Every structure is written in structure tokens, then in C-alpha cells.
Amino acid sequence: MLYKDMALMLALFFNPFGFDAVQYSLLLLTGSLWKANFVLYCIAGSFFGLYIWFTKSLNKFGKSE
């Protein structure tokens, strides 16, 4: 499995598939639903960004997978 696939898989886990499992833990840690949501969206966004970055960098070298 390539890094781009792993990044996409993690992004999809954090938003929304793994959302409820992690949400409760973050809610207890931060004490605020808004802060917990913000953290989750930042994590998911960073993994989507990594997926795009890995895809573009692999296409430069002529590899699509």
C-alpha cells in the first residue's frame, strides 16, 4: 500500500467513519464539542492534503500507483 492510499484511508476514517469513536475521547480531553470537531476536521483535512500531495508527487515520476 502506498502512502497516498494510506493518507486517503485515514482521512476517510477520521471524517466521518471513525468520527464517533474519536469524538467522545476528544470531547473529554477538550471539554468542548466545538474544539473536538475542529481537531477532527483539521486531522481529516491534513490527511486529504497528504493524499493530494502524494498523488501529485507520484505523477511527476510517472507512477500512478
N, C-alpha and C. Protein backbone atom coordinates (compact mmCIF):
# COMPACT_ATOMS: atom_id res chain seq x y z
N MET A 1 0.86 -1.18 0.00
CA MET A 1 0.00 0.00 0.00
C MET A 1 0.89 1.24 0.00
N LEU A 2 0.53 2.17 -0.82
CA LEU A 2 1.32 3.38 -0.92
C LEU A 2 0.89 4.41 0.11
N TYR A 3 1.74 5.39 0.30
CA TYR A 3 1.44 6.45 1.27
C TYR A 3 0.17 7.21 0.91
N LYS A 4 -0.04 7.42 -0.40
CA LYS A 4 -1.23 8.17 -0.79
C LYS A 4 -2.49 7.41 -0.43
N ASP A 5 -2.48 6.11 -0.59
CA ASP A 5 -3.64 5.31 -0.23
C ASP A 5 -3.87 5.30 1.28
N MET A 6 -2.79 5.23 2.04
CA MET A 6 -2.89 5.26 3.50
C MET A 6 -3.44 6.60 3.98
N ALA A 7 -2.99 7.69 3.37
CA ALA A 7 -3.47 9.02 3.75
C ALA A 7 -4.96 9.16 3.45
N LEU A 8 -5.39 8.66 2.29
CA LEU A 8 -6.81 8.73 1.95
C LEU A 8 -7.63 7.87 2.90
N MET A 9 -7.14 6.71 3.23
CA MET A 9 -7.86 5.82 4.14
C MET A 9 -8.00 6.46 5.53
N LEU A 10 -6.95 7.09 6.02
CA LEU A 10 -7.03 7.75 7.32
C LEU A 10 -7.95 8.97 7.29
N ALA A 11 -7.92 9.70 6.19
CA ALA A 11 -8.82 10.85 6.07
C ALA A 11 -10.28 10.40 6.11
N LEU A 12 -10.57 9.33 5.42
CA LEU A 12 -11.94 8.83 5.42
C LEU A 12 -12.33 8.24 6.77
N PHE A 13 -11.37 7.70 7.50
CA PHE A 13 -11.67 7.19 8.83
C PHE A 13 -12.03 8.31 9.79
N PHE A 14 -11.23 9.36 9.78
CA PHE A 14 -11.46 10.45 10.72
C PHE A 14 -12.69 11.26 10.38
N ASN A 15 -13.09 11.27 9.12
CA ASN A 15 -14.23 12.09 8.74
C ASN A 15 -15.02 11.41 7.65
N PRO A 16 -16.12 10.81 7.89
CA PRO A 16 -16.89 10.69 9.13
C PRO A 16 -16.87 9.31 9.77
N PHE A 17 -16.23 8.29 9.17
CA PHE A 17 -16.40 6.91 9.61
C PHE A 17 -15.90 6.65 11.03
N GLY A 18 -14.79 7.19 11.42
CA GLY A 18 -14.29 6.99 12.77
C GLY A 18 -14.65 8.14 13.68
N PHE A 19 -15.52 8.99 13.19
CA PHE A 19 -15.86 10.22 13.88
C PHE A 19 -16.39 9.97 15.29
N ASP A 20 -17.34 9.06 15.43
CA ASP A 20 -17.97 8.86 16.73
C ASP A 20 -17.03 8.25 17.75
N ALA A 21 -16.11 7.38 17.30
CA ALA A 21 -15.18 6.74 18.22
C ALA A 21 -14.18 7.74 18.79
N VAL A 22 -13.68 8.62 17.95
CA VAL A 22 -12.67 9.59 18.37
C VAL A 22 -13.32 10.82 19.00
N GLN A 23 -14.53 11.12 18.56
CA GLN A 23 -15.23 12.31 19.04
C GLN A 23 -15.40 12.32 20.55
N TYR A 24 -15.80 11.20 21.10
CA TYR A 24 -16.03 11.14 22.53
C TYR A 24 -14.74 11.37 23.32
N SER A 25 -13.65 10.77 22.86
CA SER A 25 -12.36 10.96 23.54
C SER A 25 -11.91 12.42 23.47
N LEU A 26 -12.05 13.03 22.31
CA LEU A 26 -11.67 14.44 22.17
C LEU A 26 -12.59 15.35 22.99
N LEU A 27 -13.84 14.98 23.08
CA LEU A 27 -14.77 15.76 23.89
C LEU A 27 -14.36 15.75 25.35
N LEU A 28 -13.92 14.59 25.83
CA LEU A 28 -13.45 14.51 27.21
C LEU A 28 -12.14 15.28 27.41
N LEU A 29 -11.27 15.23 26.42
CA LEU A 29 -9.98 15.92 26.53
C LEU A 29 -10.11 17.43 26.45
N THR A 30 -10.93 17.90 25.51
CA THR A 30 -11.02 19.35 25.30
C THR A 30 -12.10 20.00 26.15
N GLY A 31 -13.13 19.24 26.49
CA GLY A 31 -14.23 19.80 27.27
C GLY A 31 -15.20 20.61 26.44
N SER A 32 -15.06 20.59 25.13
CA SER A 32 -15.91 21.38 24.26
C SER A 32 -16.18 20.62 22.97
N LEU A 33 -17.43 20.60 22.58
CA LEU A 33 -17.79 19.93 21.33
C LEU A 33 -17.20 20.66 20.12
N TRP A 34 -17.19 21.99 20.17
CA TRP A 34 -16.65 22.77 19.06
C TRP A 34 -15.16 22.54 18.88
N LYS A 35 -14.42 22.48 19.98
CA LYS A 35 -12.97 22.23 19.87
C LYS A 35 -12.69 20.82 19.37
N ALA A 36 -13.47 19.86 19.85
CA ALA A 36 -13.29 18.47 19.40
C ALA A 36 -13.57 18.35 17.90
N ASN A 37 -14.62 19.00 17.43
CA ASN A 37 -14.93 18.99 16.00
C ASN A 37 -13.83 19.65 15.19
N PHE A 38 -13.31 20.76 15.68
CA PHE A 38 -12.24 21.46 14.98
C PHE A 38 -11.00 20.57 14.84
N VAL A 39 -10.64 19.88 15.90
CA VAL A 39 -9.48 18.98 15.86
C VAL A 39 -9.70 17.88 14.83
N LEU A 40 -10.87 17.28 14.81
CA LEU A 40 -11.14 16.20 13.86
C LEU A 40 -11.11 16.69 12.42
N TYR A 41 -11.68 17.84 12.16
CA TYR A 41 -11.65 18.37 10.80
C TYR A 41 -10.23 18.75 10.37
N CYS A 42 -9.42 19.21 11.28
CA CYS A 42 -8.02 19.51 10.95
C CYS A 42 -7.25 18.23 10.63
N ILE A 43 -7.49 17.18 11.40
CA ILE A 43 -6.83 15.90 11.14
C ILE A 43 -7.25 15.36 9.78
N ALA A 44 -8.56 15.34 9.52
CA ALA A 44 -9.05 14.83 8.24
C ALA A 44 -8.53 15.68 7.07
N GLY A 45 -8.53 16.98 7.24
CA GLY A 45 -8.04 17.87 6.19
C GLY A 45 -6.57 17.66 5.89
N SER A 46 -5.79 17.41 6.94
CA SER A 46 -4.35 17.19 6.71
C SER A 46 -4.12 15.89 5.95
N PHE A 47 -4.90 14.85 6.24
CA PHE A 47 -4.73 13.60 5.50
C PHE A 47 -5.22 13.71 4.06
N PHE A 48 -6.29 14.47 3.82
CA PHE A 48 -6.71 14.71 2.44
C PHE A 48 -5.62 15.50 1.70
N GLY A 49 -5.01 16.45 2.37
CA GLY A 49 -3.91 17.20 1.77
C GLY A 49 -2.72 16.31 1.44
N LEU A 50 -2.40 15.40 2.35
CA LEU A 50 -1.31 14.45 2.08
C LEU A 50 -1.63 13.56 0.89
N TYR A 51 -2.87 13.13 0.78
CA TYR A 51 -3.26 12.30 -0.35
C TYR A 51 -3.04 13.05 -1.67
N ILE A 52 -3.48 14.29 -1.71
CA ILE A 52 -3.30 15.09 -2.93
C ILE A 52 -1.82 15.32 -3.22
N TRP A 53 -1.05 15.61 -2.18
CA TRP A 53 0.38 15.85 -2.37
C TRP A 53 1.09 14.59 -2.86
N PHE A 54 0.79 13.43 -2.24
CA PHE A 54 1.41 12.18 -2.68
C PHE A 54 1.01 11.84 -4.11
N THR A 55 -0.25 12.07 -4.46
CA THR A 55 -0.71 11.78 -5.82
C THR A 55 0.03 12.64 -6.84
N LYS A 56 0.18 13.92 -6.57
CA LYS A 56 0.88 14.81 -7.50
C LYS A 56 2.36 14.46 -7.59
N SER A 57 2.98 14.12 -6.45
CA SER A 57 4.40 13.80 -6.50
C SER A 57 4.65 12.48 -7.21
N LEU A 58 3.75 11.52 -7.09
CA LEU A 58 3.92 10.26 -7.80
C LEU A 58 3.69 10.44 -9.30
N ASN A 59 2.77 11.31 -9.68
CA ASN A 59 2.53 11.54 -11.10
C ASN A 59 3.72 12.22 -11.77
N LYS A 60 4.51 12.97 -11.00
CA LYS A 60 5.71 13.58 -11.58
C LYS A 60 6.71 12.53 -12.02
N PHE A 61 6.75 11.41 -11.29
CA PHE A 61 7.70 10.35 -11.61
C PHE A 61 7.12 9.31 -12.54
N GLY A 62 5.89 9.53 -13.01
CA GLY A 62 5.30 8.61 -13.98
C GLY A 62 4.65 7.38 -13.38
N LYS A 63 4.46 7.37 -12.05
CA LYS A 63 3.81 6.23 -11.40
C LYS A 63 2.42 6.66 -10.98
N SER A 64 1.43 5.88 -11.32
CA SER A 64 0.06 6.21 -10.93
C SER A 64 -0.39 5.43 -9.72
N GLU A 65 0.38 4.43 -9.31
CA GLU A 65 0.00 3.64 -8.13
C GLU A 65 1.10 3.64 -7.12
